Each structure stands twice: as C-alpha cells, then as structure tokens.
C-alpha cells in the first residue's frame, strides 16, 4: 500500500526527513525549498541563520510540511 501512496502523491505532499534545496529566502524568515521537483514554503530553526538560495539543507516533516534544521556542511577540500 505504501508504494501506491508514494506513486499517487509527490514526495513534497508526503514528507519524510532528508535534504532539500533552498529556492528563495523570504523576508518573514521562512524559505521556499525544492523537494522532489516541487517548491514549498518551510519554517527554519533559529540555528540556520545565514540562509541563502541554493543552500542544500536538512529538513524534517512537521504537520504535513517541512522545517529546515540547517545547511549541510560541504566536505573539506582535498
């Protein structure tokens, strides 16, 4: 049954923890994120302060949407 639900609902409508890309930073402190090709609005934890478009962020599902926990740190340069 889970496979059918996943096939019918895009991942943005069926949230799970993972990564997303910030599409835009909004004046109210929220961000628009892109998840599975869909752009949706998300709240951010206070620790994610230096928000910028194109950030790859870790998100968790909350009440049918997402909350951004923080930005993934790029690996150190070799």
N, C-alpha and C. Protein backbone atom coordinates (compact mmCIF):
# COMPACT_ATOMS: atom_id res chain seq x y z
N UNK A 1 0.82 -1.20 0.00
CA UNK A 1 0.00 0.00 0.00
C UNK A 1 0.87 1.27 0.00
N UNK A 2 1.98 1.23 0.71
CA UNK A 2 2.87 2.39 0.76
C UNK A 2 3.34 2.77 -0.64
N UNK A 3 3.67 1.78 -1.48
CA UNK A 3 4.12 2.07 -2.83
C UNK A 3 3.05 2.80 -3.64
N UNK A 4 1.80 2.42 -3.46
CA UNK A 4 0.71 3.08 -4.17
C UNK A 4 0.58 4.53 -3.73
N UNK A 5 0.64 4.77 -2.42
CA UNK A 5 0.56 6.14 -1.91
C UNK A 5 1.71 6.97 -2.45
N UNK A 6 2.93 6.43 -2.42
CA UNK A 6 4.09 7.16 -2.93
C UNK A 6 3.95 7.45 -4.43
N UNK A 7 3.34 6.56 -5.17
CA UNK A 7 3.14 6.77 -6.60
C UNK A 7 2.09 7.85 -6.87
N UNK A 8 1.08 7.91 -6.02
CA UNK A 8 -0.01 8.87 -6.23
C UNK A 8 0.31 10.26 -5.70
N UNK A 9 1.07 10.34 -4.62
CA UNK A 9 1.39 11.63 -4.01
C UNK A 9 2.84 11.98 -4.25
N UNK A 10 3.12 13.19 -4.71
CA UNK A 10 4.53 13.58 -4.84
C UNK A 10 5.17 13.64 -3.45
N UNK A 11 6.47 13.48 -3.40
CA UNK A 11 7.18 13.46 -2.13
C UNK A 11 6.94 14.74 -1.33
N UNK A 12 6.76 15.86 -1.98
CA UNK A 12 6.51 17.11 -1.28
C UNK A 12 5.20 17.07 -0.51
N UNK A 13 4.26 16.24 -0.94
CA UNK A 13 2.98 16.11 -0.25
C UNK A 13 3.00 15.00 0.78
N UNK A 14 4.04 14.20 0.77
CA UNK A 14 4.18 13.06 1.66
C UNK A 14 5.55 13.16 2.32
N UNK A 15 5.75 14.15 3.22
CA UNK A 15 7.09 14.48 3.69
C UNK A 15 7.78 13.37 4.47
N UNK A 16 9.09 13.33 4.28
CA UNK A 16 9.96 12.45 5.05
C UNK A 16 11.27 13.20 5.27
N UNK A 17 12.04 12.82 6.32
CA UNK A 17 13.30 13.53 6.56
C UNK A 17 14.24 13.37 5.38
N UNK A 18 15.05 14.37 5.16
CA UNK A 18 16.03 14.30 4.07
C UNK A 18 16.55 15.66 3.71
N UNK A 19 17.00 15.77 2.48
CA UNK A 19 17.57 17.03 2.03
C UNK A 19 16.64 17.75 1.07
N UNK A 20 16.86 19.05 0.97
CA UNK A 20 16.12 19.90 0.04
C UNK A 20 17.07 21.02 -0.38
N UNK A 21 16.67 21.78 -1.37
CA UNK A 21 17.46 22.92 -1.84
C UNK A 21 16.65 24.19 -1.62
N UNK A 22 17.27 25.22 -1.05
CA UNK A 22 16.59 26.49 -0.82
C UNK A 22 16.44 27.21 -2.16
N UNK A 23 15.20 27.50 -2.53
CA UNK A 23 14.92 28.22 -3.77
C UNK A 23 14.91 29.73 -3.55
N UNK A 24 14.44 30.16 -2.35
CA UNK A 24 14.37 31.60 -2.05
C UNK A 24 14.31 31.79 -0.55
N UNK A 25 14.89 32.90 -0.09
CA UNK A 25 14.80 33.31 1.31
C UNK A 25 13.79 34.45 1.36
N UNK A 26 12.79 34.33 2.22
CA UNK A 26 11.71 35.31 2.28
C UNK A 26 11.91 36.27 3.45
N UNK A 27 11.36 37.48 3.35
CA UNK A 27 11.54 38.50 4.39
C UNK A 27 11.02 38.09 5.78
N UNK A 28 10.05 37.18 5.83
CA UNK A 28 9.50 36.78 7.13
C UNK A 28 10.34 35.72 7.84
N UNK A 29 11.50 35.35 7.26
CA UNK A 29 12.38 34.37 7.89
C UNK A 29 12.18 32.95 7.40
N UNK A 30 11.12 32.70 6.63
CA UNK A 30 10.92 31.37 6.07
C UNK A 30 11.70 31.26 4.77
N UNK A 31 11.74 30.05 4.23
CA UNK A 31 12.38 29.83 2.94
C UNK A 31 11.46 29.01 2.06
N UNK A 32 11.61 29.18 0.77
CA UNK A 32 10.98 28.27 -0.18
C UNK A 32 12.02 27.21 -0.48
N UNK A 33 11.63 25.94 -0.37
CA UNK A 33 12.54 24.84 -0.65
C UNK A 33 12.01 24.00 -1.80
N UNK A 34 12.91 23.36 -2.50
CA UNK A 34 12.53 22.46 -3.58
C UNK A 34 12.74 21.03 -3.11
N UNK A 35 11.66 20.26 -3.15
CA UNK A 35 11.66 18.86 -2.74
C UNK A 35 10.98 18.08 -3.85
N UNK A 36 11.68 17.12 -4.42
CA UNK A 36 11.11 16.26 -5.46
C UNK A 36 10.47 17.07 -6.58
N UNK A 37 11.11 18.17 -6.97
CA UNK A 37 10.61 18.98 -8.07
C UNK A 37 9.53 19.98 -7.73
N UNK A 38 9.03 19.96 -6.49
CA UNK A 38 8.00 20.91 -6.06
C UNK A 38 8.62 21.95 -5.12
N UNK A 39 8.18 23.19 -5.23
CA UNK A 39 8.67 24.24 -4.35
C UNK A 39 7.59 24.55 -3.32
N UNK A 40 7.98 24.47 -2.04
CA UNK A 40 7.05 24.72 -0.94
C UNK A 40 7.72 25.60 0.10
N UNK A 41 6.91 26.26 0.90
CA UNK A 41 7.41 27.13 1.96
C UNK A 41 7.74 26.30 3.19
N UNK A 42 8.80 26.69 3.91
CA UNK A 42 9.20 25.97 5.12
C UNK A 42 9.71 26.94 6.17
N UNK A 43 9.42 26.64 7.43
CA UNK A 43 9.98 27.38 8.55
C UNK A 43 11.40 26.88 8.79
N UNK A 44 12.18 27.67 9.55
CA UNK A 44 13.57 27.31 9.84
C UNK A 44 13.82 27.36 11.34
N UNK A 45 14.68 26.47 11.82
CA UNK A 45 15.13 26.57 13.20
C UNK A 45 16.03 27.78 13.34
N UNK A 46 16.11 28.34 14.55
CA UNK A 46 16.90 29.56 14.78
C UNK A 46 18.36 29.39 14.41
N UNK A 47 18.90 28.20 14.53
CA UNK A 47 20.32 27.96 14.25
C UNK A 47 20.70 28.14 12.79
N UNK A 48 19.74 28.09 11.91
CA UNK A 48 20.02 28.28 10.48
C UNK A 48 19.84 29.76 10.18
N UNK A 49 20.90 30.53 10.46
CA UNK A 49 20.80 31.99 10.40
C UNK A 49 21.26 32.60 9.08
N UNK A 50 22.27 32.04 8.47
CA UNK A 50 22.82 32.64 7.25
C UNK A 50 22.21 31.99 6.02
N UNK A 51 20.91 32.10 5.92
CA UNK A 51 20.14 31.45 4.86
C UNK A 51 20.46 32.06 3.50
N UNK A 52 20.58 31.19 2.50
CA UNK A 52 20.86 31.67 1.15
C UNK A 52 20.26 30.71 0.13
N UNK A 53 19.84 31.29 -0.99
CA UNK A 53 19.34 30.46 -2.09
C UNK A 53 20.45 29.51 -2.52
N UNK A 54 20.08 28.31 -2.92
CA UNK A 54 20.96 27.24 -3.38
C UNK A 54 21.59 26.44 -2.24
N UNK A 55 21.33 26.82 -0.97
CA UNK A 55 21.81 26.01 0.15
C UNK A 55 21.16 24.63 0.07
N UNK A 56 21.93 23.60 0.35
CA UNK A 56 21.39 22.25 0.50
C UNK A 56 21.17 22.07 1.99
N UNK A 57 19.92 21.82 2.38
CA UNK A 57 19.55 21.81 3.78
C UNK A 57 18.94 20.48 4.20
N UNK A 58 19.02 20.20 5.51
CA UNK A 58 18.38 19.03 6.09
C UNK A 58 17.01 19.45 6.58
N UNK A 59 15.98 18.71 6.21
CA UNK A 59 14.60 19.03 6.58
C UNK A 59 13.96 17.86 7.31
N UNK A 60 13.01 18.18 8.19
CA UNK A 60 12.21 17.16 8.86
C UNK A 60 10.74 17.49 8.65
N UNK A 61 9.90 16.46 8.56
CA UNK A 61 8.47 16.71 8.36
C UNK A 61 7.80 17.15 9.65
N UNK A 62 6.94 18.14 9.54
CA UNK A 62 6.14 18.63 10.67
C UNK A 62 4.78 19.04 10.14
N UNK A 63 3.72 18.39 10.64
CA UNK A 63 2.34 18.74 10.27
C UNK A 63 2.11 18.85 8.77
N UNK A 64 2.61 17.89 8.02
CA UNK A 64 2.37 17.87 6.58
C UNK A 64 3.27 18.77 5.77
N UNK A 65 4.18 19.48 6.40
CA UNK A 65 5.14 20.32 5.70
C UNK A 65 6.55 20.00 6.17
N UNK A 66 7.42 20.96 6.07
CA UNK A 66 8.81 20.76 6.47
C UNK A 66 9.30 21.89 7.36
N UNK A 67 10.29 21.56 8.20
CA UNK A 67 11.07 22.54 8.95
C UNK A 67 12.52 22.32 8.57
N UNK A 68 13.21 23.41 8.27
CA UNK A 68 14.63 23.32 7.91
C UNK A 68 15.45 23.32 9.20
N UNK A 69 16.26 22.29 9.37
CA UNK A 69 17.11 22.17 10.56
C UNK A 69 18.39 22.96 10.37
N UNK A 70 19.00 22.87 9.22
CA UNK A 70 20.24 23.60 8.96
C UNK A 70 20.81 23.21 7.62
N UNK A 71 21.91 23.88 7.27
CA UNK A 71 22.58 23.65 5.99
C UNK A 71 23.54 22.49 6.16
N UNK A 72 23.66 21.67 5.11
CA UNK A 72 24.69 20.64 5.08
C UNK A 72 26.03 21.33 4.90
N UNK A 73 27.02 20.90 5.63
CA UNK A 73 28.35 21.46 5.51
C UNK A 73 29.06 20.76 4.36
N UNK A 74 29.64 21.53 3.45
CA UNK A 74 30.35 20.87 2.33
C UNK A 74 31.57 20.12 2.87
N UNK A 75 31.97 19.05 2.21
CA UNK A 75 33.15 18.32 2.67
C UNK A 75 34.40 19.18 2.53
N UNK A 76 35.41 18.94 3.37
CA UNK A 76 36.64 19.73 3.27
C UNK A 76 37.33 19.50 1.92
N UNK A 77 37.97 20.52 1.43
CA UNK A 77 38.69 20.41 0.15
C UNK A 77 39.91 19.50 0.34
N UNK A 78 40.21 18.68 -0.67
CA UNK A 78 41.39 17.78 -0.54
C UNK A 78 42.69 18.54 -0.57
